[in-house]
Amino acid sequence: MMGSNNKRHLRVYPAETNASNAPAIFMLAGEEDGAKVRELAQRLTKQQFSLAVVGIEDWNRDLSPWPAKRVFKGGEDFGGGADELLRELESDIVPGVMEELRADASCILAGYSLAGLCAVYALYRTQIFSGVISASGSLWFPGFMDYARSHDFAREPDKVYFSLGDKESHTKNPTMKLVEENTRLLRKNFSDHGIQTVFELNSGNHFQDSELRIAKGIAWMLSSK
């Protein structure tokens, strides 16, 4: 099932059986391969799920919570367009996909890197997601930890999955080297609020195994009790 929603390219992979009752994973994706993510996740869990891949073209604009200066040489400034994207998800994309699937099930938001940051930010801005997968999420983003500490959830999630590569914090960049510390702190904060969470440390740097890391998050979200 393929389609487009105004500016967003969508590809939807319905659950193989009982799609109407299967959880729906909405993945904010750049270069990630949705078919590969689904295949890897199906190897890791027997639970049925539908996967909706939401294409993101302008990564730094669409996934950043607010405007910010670039944090590494040669990079681009951040445009702060996440609220616009989340409004599209809440008002149009998610309801449209769920109607097409004829589904009345839980919705989970997943993303890698800046998309993982945006997925966590969504917990404070939308009420449609019961859980979030933040794989190698950019939780170093300027001001995000202060925001998370000072704001309430729009809807308290049931589960949140965090992961990183074990080499991601090994950088000379003073902002980005905080990623593991911030991820662990945020996971503890969520856990202290009674939210079921996990933090998984994978082998490798930020640019390794993005599809597998998201798939592992899907498997945990669906299989954990």
N, C-alpha and C. Protein backbone atom coordinates (compact mmCIF):
# COMPACT_ATOMS: atom_id res chain seq x y z
N MET A 1 0.86 -1.17 0.00
CA MET A 1 0.00 0.00 0.00
C MET A 1 0.90 1.23 0.00
N MET A 2 0.69 2.08 -1.00
CA MET A 2 1.50 3.28 -1.07
C MET A 2 0.59 4.47 -1.25
N GLY A 3 1.12 5.64 -0.92
CA GLY A 3 0.32 6.83 -1.12
C GLY A 3 1.09 8.05 -0.74
N SER A 4 0.42 9.18 -0.83
CA SER A 4 1.04 10.42 -0.40
C SER A 4 0.01 11.23 0.36
N ASN A 5 0.48 12.07 1.24
CA ASN A 5 -0.40 12.87 2.06
C ASN A 5 0.11 14.30 1.98
N ASN A 6 -0.48 15.08 1.07
CA ASN A 6 0.00 16.44 0.86
C ASN A 6 1.50 16.40 0.56
N LYS A 7 2.32 16.78 1.52
CA LYS A 7 3.75 16.85 1.30
C LYS A 7 4.47 15.56 1.66
N ARG A 8 3.81 14.64 2.32
CA ARG A 8 4.50 13.47 2.87
C ARG A 8 4.28 12.23 2.01
N HIS A 9 5.36 11.57 1.71
CA HIS A 9 5.26 10.29 1.03
C HIS A 9 5.06 9.20 2.08
N LEU A 10 4.09 8.36 1.84
CA LEU A 10 3.76 7.28 2.78
C LEU A 10 3.90 5.93 2.09
N ARG A 11 4.35 4.98 2.86
CA ARG A 11 4.26 3.59 2.43
C ARG A 11 3.80 2.78 3.63
N VAL A 12 2.74 2.02 3.44
CA VAL A 12 2.13 1.28 4.53
C VAL A 12 2.23 -0.21 4.26
N TYR A 13 2.72 -0.93 5.27
CA TYR A 13 2.83 -2.38 5.21
C TYR A 13 1.84 -2.96 6.24
N PRO A 14 0.67 -3.41 5.79
CA PRO A 14 -0.31 -3.94 6.75
C PRO A 14 0.19 -5.22 7.40
N ALA A 15 -0.30 -5.47 8.59
CA ALA A 15 -0.02 -6.75 9.24
C ALA A 15 -0.51 -7.89 8.37
N GLU A 16 0.19 -9.01 8.42
CA GLU A 16 -0.15 -10.12 7.54
C GLU A 16 -1.50 -10.74 7.91
N THR A 17 -1.84 -10.70 9.19
CA THR A 17 -3.14 -11.19 9.64
C THR A 17 -3.70 -10.23 10.68
N ASN A 18 -5.01 -10.10 10.70
CA ASN A 18 -5.70 -9.28 11.70
C ASN A 18 -5.14 -7.86 11.78
N ALA A 19 -5.00 -7.22 10.62
CA ALA A 19 -4.45 -5.87 10.59
C ALA A 19 -5.27 -4.88 11.41
N SER A 20 -6.57 -5.14 11.51
CA SER A 20 -7.43 -4.20 12.24
C SER A 20 -7.13 -4.19 13.74
N ASN A 21 -6.57 -5.29 14.24
CA ASN A 21 -6.29 -5.38 15.68
C ASN A 21 -4.81 -5.25 16.01
N ALA A 22 -3.97 -5.20 15.01
CA ALA A 22 -2.52 -5.16 15.24
C ALA A 22 -2.06 -3.74 15.53
N PRO A 23 -1.13 -3.56 16.45
CA PRO A 23 -0.56 -2.23 16.69
C PRO A 23 0.02 -1.66 15.40
N ALA A 24 -0.05 -0.34 15.27
CA ALA A 24 0.47 0.34 14.09
C ALA A 24 1.72 1.12 14.48
N ILE A 25 2.82 0.82 13.82
CA ILE A 25 4.07 1.53 14.04
C ILE A 25 4.20 2.60 12.96
N PHE A 26 4.32 3.85 13.36
CA PHE A 26 4.55 4.95 12.42
C PHE A 26 6.02 5.33 12.52
N MET A 27 6.75 5.13 11.43
CA MET A 27 8.18 5.37 11.42
C MET A 27 8.50 6.61 10.60
N LEU A 28 9.12 7.59 11.25
CA LEU A 28 9.61 8.77 10.56
C LEU A 28 10.93 8.41 9.92
N ALA A 29 11.01 8.46 8.60
CA ALA A 29 12.16 7.87 7.93
C ALA A 29 12.78 8.81 6.91
N GLY A 30 14.09 8.73 6.82
CA GLY A 30 14.83 9.39 5.76
C GLY A 30 15.26 8.33 4.77
N GLU A 31 16.43 7.75 5.00
CA GLU A 31 16.94 6.71 4.11
C GLU A 31 16.61 5.30 4.59
N GLU A 32 15.98 5.19 5.76
CA GLU A 32 15.67 3.85 6.27
C GLU A 32 14.72 3.12 5.32
N ASP A 33 14.94 1.84 5.16
CA ASP A 33 14.17 0.98 4.28
C ASP A 33 13.07 0.31 5.10
N GLY A 34 11.82 0.70 4.84
CA GLY A 34 10.71 0.16 5.61
C GLY A 34 10.56 -1.34 5.47
N ALA A 35 10.77 -1.86 4.26
CA ALA A 35 10.65 -3.30 4.05
C ALA A 35 11.69 -4.05 4.87
N LYS A 36 12.89 -3.49 4.94
CA LYS A 36 13.94 -4.14 5.71
C LYS A 36 13.65 -4.08 7.21
N VAL A 37 13.14 -2.94 7.67
CA VAL A 37 12.77 -2.81 9.08
C VAL A 37 11.71 -3.85 9.44
N ARG A 38 10.69 -3.97 8.59
CA ARG A 38 9.64 -4.95 8.86
C ARG A 38 10.19 -6.37 8.88
N GLU A 39 11.02 -6.70 7.90
CA GLU A 39 11.59 -8.05 7.84
C GLU A 39 12.43 -8.36 9.08
N LEU A 40 13.26 -7.41 9.50
CA LEU A 40 14.10 -7.63 10.68
C LEU A 40 13.26 -7.77 11.94
N ALA A 41 12.23 -6.93 12.06
CA ALA A 41 11.37 -6.99 13.24
C ALA A 41 10.61 -8.30 13.29
N GLN A 42 10.18 -8.80 12.14
CA GLN A 42 9.44 -10.06 12.10
C GLN A 42 10.32 -11.24 12.52
N ARG A 43 11.63 -11.09 12.35
CA ARG A 43 12.54 -12.14 12.83
C ARG A 43 12.68 -12.11 14.35
N LEU A 44 12.40 -10.95 14.94
CA LEU A 44 12.64 -10.76 16.36
C LEU A 44 11.39 -10.93 17.22
N THR A 45 10.22 -10.85 16.60
CA THR A 45 8.98 -11.01 17.36
C THR A 45 7.94 -11.73 16.51
N LYS A 46 7.10 -12.50 17.17
CA LYS A 46 6.01 -13.18 16.49
C LYS A 46 4.73 -12.35 16.50
N GLN A 47 4.77 -11.22 17.20
CA GLN A 47 3.59 -10.37 17.28
C GLN A 47 3.33 -9.68 15.94
N GLN A 48 2.07 -9.58 15.58
CA GLN A 48 1.68 -8.92 14.35
C GLN A 48 1.71 -7.39 14.53
N PHE A 49 2.07 -6.69 13.48
CA PHE A 49 2.02 -5.22 13.51
C PHE A 49 1.93 -4.70 12.09
N SER A 50 1.38 -3.51 11.95
CA SER A 50 1.41 -2.79 10.69
C SER A 50 2.48 -1.71 10.80
N LEU A 51 3.10 -1.39 9.68
CA LEU A 51 4.16 -0.39 9.66
C LEU A 51 3.82 0.67 8.62
N ALA A 52 3.77 1.91 9.06
CA ALA A 52 3.54 3.04 8.16
C ALA A 52 4.80 3.89 8.15
N VAL A 53 5.43 4.00 6.98
CA VAL A 53 6.67 4.75 6.84
C VAL A 53 6.33 6.15 6.32
N VAL A 54 6.66 7.15 7.13
CA VAL A 54 6.37 8.55 6.79
C VAL A 54 7.67 9.18 6.32
N GLY A 55 7.74 9.52 5.05
CA GLY A 55 8.97 10.05 4.49
C GLY A 55 9.25 11.47 4.95
N ILE A 56 10.49 11.72 5.32
CA ILE A 56 10.94 13.05 5.74
C ILE A 56 12.00 13.52 4.76
N GLU A 57 11.75 14.63 4.11
CA GLU A 57 12.70 15.13 3.12
C GLU A 57 13.69 16.13 3.72
N ASP A 58 13.21 17.06 4.51
CA ASP A 58 14.09 18.07 5.11
C ASP A 58 14.30 17.71 6.57
N TRP A 59 15.32 16.91 6.82
CA TRP A 59 15.58 16.33 8.12
C TRP A 59 15.74 17.40 9.21
N ASN A 60 16.61 18.37 8.97
CA ASN A 60 16.91 19.37 10.00
C ASN A 60 15.75 20.31 10.26
N ARG A 61 14.92 20.53 9.28
CA ARG A 61 13.76 21.40 9.49
C ARG A 61 12.60 20.64 10.14
N ASP A 62 12.22 19.51 9.56
CA ASP A 62 10.97 18.87 9.94
C ASP A 62 11.02 18.15 11.28
N LEU A 63 12.20 17.79 11.74
CA LEU A 63 12.30 16.95 12.93
C LEU A 63 12.82 17.69 14.17
N SER A 64 13.18 18.94 14.03
CA SER A 64 13.73 19.70 15.16
C SER A 64 12.62 20.44 15.89
N PRO A 65 12.62 20.38 17.22
CA PRO A 65 11.53 20.98 18.00
C PRO A 65 11.47 22.51 17.89
N TRP A 66 12.59 23.14 17.74
CA TRP A 66 12.67 24.61 17.64
C TRP A 66 13.93 24.96 16.86
N PRO A 67 14.01 26.18 16.35
CA PRO A 67 15.20 26.57 15.61
C PRO A 67 16.44 26.54 16.50
N ALA A 68 17.56 26.12 15.94
CA ALA A 68 18.83 26.08 16.66
C ALA A 68 19.97 26.15 15.66
N LYS A 69 21.08 26.67 16.10
CA LYS A 69 22.26 26.74 15.25
C LYS A 69 22.85 25.35 15.06
N ARG A 70 23.53 25.18 13.95
CA ARG A 70 24.17 23.90 13.66
C ARG A 70 25.17 23.56 14.76
N VAL A 71 25.40 22.28 14.96
CA VAL A 71 26.27 21.85 16.05
C VAL A 71 27.56 21.22 15.56
N PHE A 72 27.71 21.08 14.25
CA PHE A 72 28.97 20.56 13.75
C PHE A 72 29.31 21.25 12.42
N LYS A 73 30.58 21.35 12.15
CA LYS A 73 31.08 22.02 10.96
C LYS A 73 30.55 21.35 9.71
N GLY A 74 30.05 22.18 8.81
CA GLY A 74 29.52 21.64 7.57
C GLY A 74 28.06 21.26 7.66
N GLY A 75 27.47 21.31 8.85
CA GLY A 75 26.07 20.98 9.01
C GLY A 75 25.17 22.16 8.69
N GLU A 76 23.89 21.97 8.87
CA GLU A 76 22.91 23.03 8.62
C GLU A 76 22.25 23.42 9.93
N ASP A 77 21.72 24.64 9.96
CA ASP A 77 20.93 25.05 11.11
C ASP A 77 19.64 24.24 11.16
N PHE A 78 19.03 24.21 12.34
CA PHE A 78 17.79 23.47 12.54
C PHE A 78 16.60 24.41 12.42
N GLY A 79 15.59 23.98 11.67
CA GLY A 79 14.48 24.87 11.33
C GLY A 79 13.33 24.92 12.31
N GLY A 80 13.25 23.93 13.21
CA GLY A 80 12.18 23.96 14.20
C GLY A 80 10.80 23.63 13.64
N GLY A 81 10.72 22.69 12.70
CA GLY A 81 9.44 22.36 12.09
C GLY A 81 8.72 21.16 12.65
N ALA A 82 9.16 20.63 13.79
CA ALA A 82 8.55 19.40 14.31
C ALA A 82 7.08 19.58 14.67
N ASP A 83 6.70 20.74 15.18
CA ASP A 83 5.29 20.93 15.55
C ASP A 83 4.38 20.83 14.33
N GLU A 84 4.83 21.35 13.21
CA GLU A 84 4.04 21.24 11.98
C GLU A 84 3.89 19.78 11.56
N LEU A 85 4.99 19.04 11.62
CA LEU A 85 4.93 17.61 11.28
C LEU A 85 4.00 16.86 12.22
N LEU A 86 4.09 17.14 13.51
CA LEU A 86 3.25 16.43 14.47
C LEU A 86 1.78 16.78 14.30
N ARG A 87 1.48 18.00 13.92
CA ARG A 87 0.08 18.35 13.63
C ARG A 87 -0.43 17.55 12.44
N GLU A 88 0.41 17.38 11.42
CA GLU A 88 0.02 16.57 10.27
C GLU A 88 -0.24 15.12 10.69
N LEU A 89 0.64 14.60 11.51
CA LEU A 89 0.46 13.23 11.97
C LEU A 89 -0.84 13.08 12.73
N GLU A 90 -1.09 13.99 13.65
CA GLU A 90 -2.25 13.86 14.54
C GLU A 90 -3.57 14.09 13.81
N SER A 91 -3.59 15.07 12.91
CA SER A 91 -4.86 15.45 12.31
C SER A 91 -5.16 14.71 11.01
N ASP A 92 -4.13 14.22 10.34
CA ASP A 92 -4.36 13.71 8.99
C ASP A 92 -3.72 12.34 8.75
N ILE A 93 -2.40 12.25 8.94
CA ILE A 93 -1.69 11.04 8.52
C ILE A 93 -2.12 9.82 9.33
N VAL A 94 -2.06 9.91 10.64
CA VAL A 94 -2.41 8.75 11.47
C VAL A 94 -3.87 8.37 11.30
N PRO A 95 -4.83 9.31 11.40
CA PRO A 95 -6.22 8.90 11.17
C PRO A 95 -6.45 8.29 9.79
N GLY A 96 -5.79 8.83 8.76
CA GLY A 96 -5.97 8.30 7.42
C GLY A 96 -5.46 6.88 7.28
N VAL A 97 -4.29 6.62 7.85
CA VAL A 97 -3.73 5.26 7.79
C VAL A 97 -4.59 4.29 8.58
N MET A 98 -5.02 4.70 9.76
CA MET A 98 -5.83 3.80 10.58
C MET A 98 -7.17 3.51 9.92
N GLU A 99 -7.73 4.51 9.23
CA GLU A 99 -8.98 4.27 8.50
C GLU A 99 -8.76 3.30 7.35
N GLU A 100 -7.65 3.46 6.65
CA GLU A 100 -7.36 2.57 5.53
C GLU A 100 -7.13 1.14 6.00
N LEU A 101 -6.49 1.01 7.17
CA LEU A 101 -6.26 -0.31 7.74
C LEU A 101 -7.51 -0.86 8.43
N ARG A 102 -8.50 0.00 8.59
CA ARG A 102 -9.71 -0.34 9.37
C ARG A 102 -9.31 -0.80 10.76
N ALA A 103 -8.36 -0.07 11.32
CA ALA A 103 -7.75 -0.49 12.58
C ALA A 103 -8.22 0.38 13.73
N ASP A 104 -8.36 -0.26 14.86
CA ASP A 104 -8.64 0.42 16.12
C ASP A 104 -7.67 -0.16 17.15
N ALA A 105 -6.42 0.22 17.03
CA ALA A 105 -5.37 -0.37 17.86
C ALA A 105 -4.42 0.74 18.29
N SER A 106 -3.44 0.36 19.09
CA SER A 106 -2.49 1.34 19.59
C SER A 106 -1.57 1.82 18.47
N CYS A 107 -1.13 3.07 18.59
CA CYS A 107 -0.22 3.67 17.63
C CYS A 107 1.10 3.98 18.33
N ILE A 108 2.19 3.62 17.71
CA ILE A 108 3.52 3.82 18.27
C ILE A 108 4.35 4.62 17.26
N LEU A 109 5.09 5.60 17.74
CA LEU A 109 5.91 6.43 16.87
C LEU A 109 7.37 6.04 17.01
N ALA A 110 8.04 5.84 15.87
CA ALA A 110 9.43 5.38 15.88
C ALA A 110 10.28 6.28 15.00
N GLY A 111 11.55 6.41 15.40
CA GLY A 111 12.46 7.17 14.57
C GLY A 111 13.90 6.96 14.97
N TYR A 112 14.78 7.30 14.05
CA TYR A 112 16.22 7.15 14.24
C TYR A 112 16.86 8.53 14.16
N SER A 113 17.84 8.78 15.02
CA SER A 113 18.59 10.03 14.99
C SER A 113 17.66 11.20 15.32
N LEU A 114 17.59 12.23 14.48
CA LEU A 114 16.69 13.35 14.75
C LEU A 114 15.24 12.89 14.78
N ALA A 115 14.90 11.86 14.03
CA ALA A 115 13.54 11.31 14.08
C ALA A 115 13.27 10.67 15.43
N GLY A 116 14.30 10.10 16.06
CA GLY A 116 14.14 9.58 17.42
C GLY A 116 13.91 10.68 18.42
N LEU A 117 14.58 11.81 18.24
CA LEU A 117 14.31 12.99 19.07
C LEU A 117 12.88 13.46 18.88
N CYS A 118 12.44 13.58 17.63
CA CYS A 118 11.09 14.04 17.33
C CYS A 118 10.04 13.11 17.94
N ALA A 119 10.33 11.81 17.92
CA ALA A 119 9.38 10.85 18.51
C ALA A 119 9.19 11.11 20.00
N VAL A 120 10.28 11.38 20.71
CA VAL A 120 10.16 11.69 22.14
C VAL A 120 9.44 13.03 22.33
N TYR A 121 9.77 14.00 21.52
CA TYR A 121 9.11 15.31 21.60
C TYR A 121 7.60 15.17 21.40
N ALA A 122 7.20 14.23 20.56
CA ALA A 122 5.77 14.02 20.30
C ALA A 122 4.99 13.69 21.56
N LEU A 123 5.63 13.08 22.53
CA LEU A 123 4.94 12.73 23.77
C LEU A 123 4.45 13.96 24.51
N TYR A 124 5.10 15.08 24.29
CA TYR A 124 4.72 16.33 24.96
C TYR A 124 3.76 17.16 24.12
N ARG A 125 3.57 16.77 22.85
CA ARG A 125 2.82 17.62 21.93
C ARG A 125 1.59 16.96 21.33
N THR A 126 1.48 15.64 21.39
CA THR A 126 0.34 14.94 20.81
C THR A 126 -0.22 13.93 21.81
N GLN A 127 -1.42 13.47 21.52
CA GLN A 127 -2.07 12.49 22.40
C GLN A 127 -2.36 11.18 21.68
N ILE A 128 -1.76 10.96 20.53
CA ILE A 128 -2.17 9.80 19.72
C ILE A 128 -1.27 8.59 19.86
N PHE A 129 -0.11 8.75 20.49
CA PHE A 129 0.84 7.64 20.54
C PHE A 129 0.93 7.07 21.95
N SER A 130 0.78 5.75 22.02
CA SER A 130 0.86 5.09 23.33
C SER A 130 2.29 4.71 23.69
N GLY A 131 3.17 4.79 22.71
CA GLY A 131 4.56 4.45 22.97
C GLY A 131 5.47 5.05 21.92
N VAL A 132 6.75 5.06 22.22
CA VAL A 132 7.74 5.69 21.36
C VAL A 132 8.99 4.83 21.28
N ILE A 133 9.58 4.75 20.09
CA ILE A 133 10.88 4.11 19.87
C ILE A 133 11.85 5.20 19.44
N SER A 134 12.84 5.45 20.27
CA SER A 134 13.87 6.44 19.95
C SER A 134 15.19 5.70 19.80
N ALA A 135 15.51 5.35 18.55
CA ALA A 135 16.73 4.60 18.27
C ALA A 135 17.84 5.59 17.89
N SER A 136 18.91 5.56 18.66
CA SER A 136 20.00 6.53 18.46
C SER A 136 19.46 7.95 18.35
N GLY A 137 18.50 8.26 19.21
CA GLY A 137 17.85 9.56 19.19
C GLY A 137 18.81 10.70 19.51
N SER A 138 18.61 11.83 18.85
CA SER A 138 19.49 13.00 19.02
C SER A 138 19.11 13.78 20.27
N LEU A 139 19.22 13.13 21.41
CA LEU A 139 18.80 13.76 22.67
C LEU A 139 19.84 14.73 23.20
N TRP A 140 20.86 14.99 22.39
CA TRP A 140 21.81 16.06 22.67
C TRP A 140 21.27 17.41 22.20
N PHE A 141 20.14 17.43 21.53
CA PHE A 141 19.64 18.64 20.87
C PHE A 141 19.57 19.81 21.86
N PRO A 142 20.09 20.98 21.48
CA PRO A 142 20.17 22.12 22.41
C PRO A 142 18.84 22.46 23.06
N GLY A 143 18.81 22.44 24.38
CA GLY A 143 17.63 22.82 25.14
C GLY A 143 16.62 21.73 25.38
N PHE A 144 16.82 20.53 24.78
CA PHE A 144 15.77 19.53 24.90
C PHE A 144 15.63 18.97 26.31
N MET A 145 16.71 18.74 26.99
CA MET A 145 16.62 18.19 28.34
C MET A 145 15.90 19.16 29.27
N ASP A 146 16.18 20.45 29.15
CA ASP A 146 15.46 21.45 29.96
C ASP A 146 13.99 21.45 29.62
N TYR A 147 13.67 21.30 28.35
CA TYR A 147 12.27 21.24 27.94
C TYR A 147 11.58 20.03 28.57
N ALA A 148 12.22 18.87 28.49
CA ALA A 148 11.62 17.65 29.01
C ALA A 148 11.39 17.74 30.52
N ARG A 149 12.31 18.37 31.22
CA ARG A 149 12.18 18.49 32.67
C ARG A 149 11.05 19.45 33.07
N SER A 150 10.74 20.40 32.23
CA SER A 150 9.81 21.47 32.61
C SER A 150 8.43 21.33 31.99
N HIS A 151 8.19 20.28 31.21
CA HIS A 151 6.89 20.10 30.56
C HIS A 151 6.29 18.75 30.91
N ASP A 152 4.96 18.72 30.92
CA ASP A 152 4.22 17.49 31.16
C ASP A 152 3.93 16.80 29.82
N PHE A 153 3.69 15.50 29.89
CA PHE A 153 3.27 14.78 28.70
C PHE A 153 1.88 15.25 28.27
N ALA A 154 1.66 15.32 26.97
CA ALA A 154 0.30 15.50 26.47
C ALA A 154 -0.53 14.24 26.76
N ARG A 155 0.14 13.11 26.67
CA ARG A 155 -0.44 11.82 27.05
C ARG A 155 0.70 10.96 27.57
N GLU A 156 0.57 10.48 28.78
CA GLU A 156 1.65 9.67 29.34
C GLU A 156 1.73 8.35 28.58
N PRO A 157 2.90 8.01 28.07
CA PRO A 157 3.03 6.78 27.28
C PRO A 157 3.02 5.54 28.16
N ASP A 158 2.68 4.42 27.54
CA ASP A 158 2.77 3.13 28.23
C ASP A 158 4.20 2.62 28.25
N LYS A 159 4.89 2.78 27.11
CA LYS A 159 6.24 2.24 26.97
C LYS A 159 7.10 3.19 26.13
N VAL A 160 8.38 3.22 26.47
CA VAL A 160 9.34 4.00 25.68
C VAL A 160 10.63 3.21 25.56
N TYR A 161 11.12 3.11 24.34
CA TYR A 161 12.35 2.37 24.05
C TYR A 161 13.44 3.35 23.63
N PHE A 162 14.57 3.29 24.32
CA PHE A 162 15.73 4.10 23.97
C PHE A 162 16.88 3.18 23.58
N SER A 163 17.66 3.60 22.59
CA SER A 163 18.89 2.87 22.29
C SER A 163 19.93 3.82 21.73
N LEU A 164 21.18 3.39 21.81
CA LEU A 164 22.31 4.11 21.24
C LEU A 164 23.38 3.10 20.82
N GLY A 165 24.29 3.56 19.99
CA GLY A 165 25.52 2.81 19.75
C GLY A 165 26.52 3.14 20.84
N ASP A 166 27.34 2.17 21.20
CA ASP A 166 28.24 2.40 22.33
C ASP A 166 29.39 3.37 22.02
N LYS A 167 29.52 3.77 20.76
CA LYS A 167 30.56 4.72 20.39
C LYS A 167 30.01 6.11 20.08
N GLU A 168 28.70 6.30 20.22
CA GLU A 168 28.09 7.56 19.80
C GLU A 168 28.53 8.76 20.64
N SER A 169 28.82 8.53 21.90
CA SER A 169 29.24 9.64 22.75
C SER A 169 30.75 9.89 22.67
N HIS A 170 31.47 9.07 21.91
CA HIS A 170 32.92 9.22 21.78
C HIS A 170 33.24 10.20 20.66
N THR A 171 32.99 11.46 20.93
CA THR A 171 33.19 12.51 19.95
C THR A 171 33.76 13.74 20.65
N LYS A 172 34.47 14.54 19.88
CA LYS A 172 35.02 15.77 20.45
C LYS A 172 34.00 16.91 20.47
N ASN A 173 32.88 16.70 19.78
CA ASN A 173 31.84 17.73 19.76
C ASN A 173 31.22 17.86 21.15
N PRO A 174 31.33 19.01 21.80
CA PRO A 174 30.88 19.14 23.18
C PRO A 174 29.38 18.99 23.37
N THR A 175 28.61 19.26 22.33
CA THR A 175 27.15 19.10 22.41
C THR A 175 26.76 17.65 22.21
N MET A 176 27.27 17.05 21.15
CA MET A 176 26.84 15.71 20.79
C MET A 176 27.39 14.64 21.72
N LYS A 177 28.48 14.91 22.41
CA LYS A 177 29.04 13.91 23.31
C LYS A 177 28.15 13.66 24.54
N LEU A 178 27.15 14.51 24.74
CA LEU A 178 26.22 14.35 25.86
C LEU A 178 25.11 13.34 25.58
N VAL A 179 25.11 12.76 24.39
CA VAL A 179 23.95 11.97 23.98
C VAL A 179 23.68 10.79 24.90
N GLU A 180 24.71 10.06 25.32
CA GLU A 180 24.45 8.90 26.18
C GLU A 180 24.02 9.34 27.58
N GLU A 181 24.67 10.33 28.12
CA GLU A 181 24.29 10.84 29.44
C GLU A 181 22.84 11.33 29.43
N ASN A 182 22.46 12.09 28.41
CA ASN A 182 21.10 12.60 28.34
C ASN A 182 20.09 11.49 28.15
N THR A 183 20.43 10.50 27.33
CA THR A 183 19.50 9.39 27.10
C THR A 183 19.27 8.60 28.38
N ARG A 184 20.33 8.34 29.11
CA ARG A 184 20.19 7.62 30.38
C ARG A 184 19.39 8.43 31.39
N LEU A 185 19.63 9.72 31.45
CA LEU A 185 18.89 10.58 32.39
C LEU A 185 17.40 10.62 32.04
N LEU A 186 17.10 10.75 30.76
CA LEU A 186 15.70 10.81 30.36
C LEU A 186 15.01 9.48 30.60
N ARG A 187 15.70 8.40 30.32
CA ARG A 187 15.12 7.08 30.59
C ARG A 187 14.81 6.92 32.09
N LYS A 188 15.72 7.36 32.94
CA LYS A 188 15.50 7.27 34.39
C LYS A 188 14.31 8.14 34.80
N ASN A 189 14.22 9.32 34.23
CA ASN A 189 13.10 10.21 34.55
C ASN A 189 11.77 9.57 34.17
N PHE A 190 11.72 8.96 32.99
CA PHE A 190 10.49 8.29 32.56
C PHE A 190 10.18 7.11 33.48
N SER A 191 11.20 6.34 33.81
CA SER A 191 11.01 5.18 34.67
C SER A 191 10.51 5.60 36.05
N ASP A 192 11.05 6.70 36.57
CA ASP A 192 10.63 7.21 37.87
C ASP A 192 9.17 7.63 37.87
N HIS A 193 8.64 7.93 36.70
CA HIS A 193 7.22 8.29 36.56
C HIS A 193 6.35 7.06 36.33
N GLY A 194 6.93 5.88 36.43
CA GLY A 194 6.16 4.65 36.30
C GLY A 194 5.97 4.17 34.88
N ILE A 195 6.70 4.76 33.93
CA ILE A 195 6.59 4.35 32.53
C ILE A 195 7.54 3.19 32.27
N GLN A 196 7.07 2.18 31.59
CA GLN A 196 7.92 1.05 31.26
C GLN A 196 8.92 1.49 30.19
N THR A 197 10.19 1.42 30.52
CA THR A 197 11.23 1.87 29.60
C THR A 197 12.38 0.88 29.57
N VAL A 198 13.20 1.04 28.54
CA VAL A 198 14.44 0.28 28.46
C VAL A 198 15.46 1.15 27.74
N PHE A 199 16.72 0.95 28.07
CA PHE A 199 17.81 1.59 27.34
C PHE A 199 18.74 0.48 26.88
N GLU A 200 18.93 0.38 25.56
CA GLU A 200 19.76 -0.67 25.00
C GLU A 200 20.98 -0.04 24.34
N LEU A 201 22.15 -0.54 24.69
CA LEU A 201 23.40 -0.05 24.13
C LEU A 201 23.88 -1.06 23.09
N ASN A 202 23.91 -0.62 21.85
CA ASN A 202 24.33 -1.48 20.74
C ASN A 202 25.81 -1.25 20.43
N SER A 203 26.40 -2.20 19.77
CA SER A 203 27.77 -2.05 19.32
C SER A 203 27.83 -1.15 18.10
N GLY A 204 28.76 -0.18 18.12
CA GLY A 204 28.96 0.63 16.92
C GLY A 204 28.68 2.11 17.12
N ASN A 205 28.86 2.85 16.04
CA ASN A 205 28.66 4.29 16.08
C ASN A 205 27.24 4.66 15.62
N HIS A 206 27.04 5.93 15.37
CA HIS A 206 25.71 6.43 15.04
C HIS A 206 25.23 5.96 13.67
N PHE A 207 26.14 5.65 12.79
CA PHE A 207 25.77 5.39 11.40
C PHE A 207 25.67 3.90 11.08
N GLN A 208 25.57 3.07 12.08
CA GLN A 208 25.51 1.63 11.87
C GLN A 208 24.13 1.07 12.21
N ASP A 209 23.66 0.18 11.34
CA ASP A 209 22.50 -0.69 11.65
C ASP A 209 21.23 0.07 12.02
N SER A 210 20.92 1.15 11.30
CA SER A 210 19.74 1.93 11.68
C SER A 210 18.46 1.11 11.59
N GLU A 211 18.30 0.31 10.52
CA GLU A 211 17.08 -0.50 10.40
C GLU A 211 16.99 -1.53 11.51
N LEU A 212 18.11 -2.16 11.84
CA LEU A 212 18.11 -3.18 12.90
C LEU A 212 17.79 -2.54 14.24
N ARG A 213 18.32 -1.38 14.51
CA ARG A 213 18.07 -0.74 15.81
C ARG A 213 16.60 -0.37 15.96
N ILE A 214 15.97 0.08 14.88
CA ILE A 214 14.53 0.35 14.94
C ILE A 214 13.76 -0.95 15.10
N ALA A 215 14.16 -1.98 14.37
CA ALA A 215 13.48 -3.27 14.46
C ALA A 215 13.55 -3.83 15.87
N LYS A 216 14.69 -3.68 16.53
CA LYS A 216 14.82 -4.16 17.91
C LYS A 216 13.87 -3.39 18.82
N GLY A 217 13.69 -2.11 18.54
CA GLY A 217 12.72 -1.33 19.32
C GLY A 217 11.31 -1.81 19.12
N ILE A 218 10.95 -2.11 17.87
CA ILE A 218 9.61 -2.64 17.58
C ILE A 218 9.38 -3.94 18.32
N ALA A 219 10.35 -4.83 18.25
CA ALA A 219 10.20 -6.13 18.92
C ALA A 219 10.01 -5.95 20.42
N TRP A 220 10.77 -5.06 21.02
CA TRP A 220 10.62 -4.84 22.47
C TRP A 220 9.25 -4.25 22.80
N MET A 221 8.82 -3.29 22.01
CA MET A 221 7.54 -2.66 22.28
C MET A 221 6.40 -3.66 22.20
N LEU A 222 6.48 -4.59 21.27
CA LEU A 222 5.39 -5.53 21.06
C LEU A 222 5.46 -6.74 21.98
N SER A 223 6.67 -7.10 22.40
CA SER A 223 6.83 -8.35 23.13
C SER A 223 6.86 -8.17 24.64
N SER A 224 7.23 -6.99 25.12
CA SER A 224 7.35 -6.79 26.56
C SER A 224 5.97 -6.66 27.18
N LYS A 225 5.92 -7.03 28.45
CA LYS A 225 4.65 -6.98 29.18
C LYS A 225 4.66 -5.84 30.20
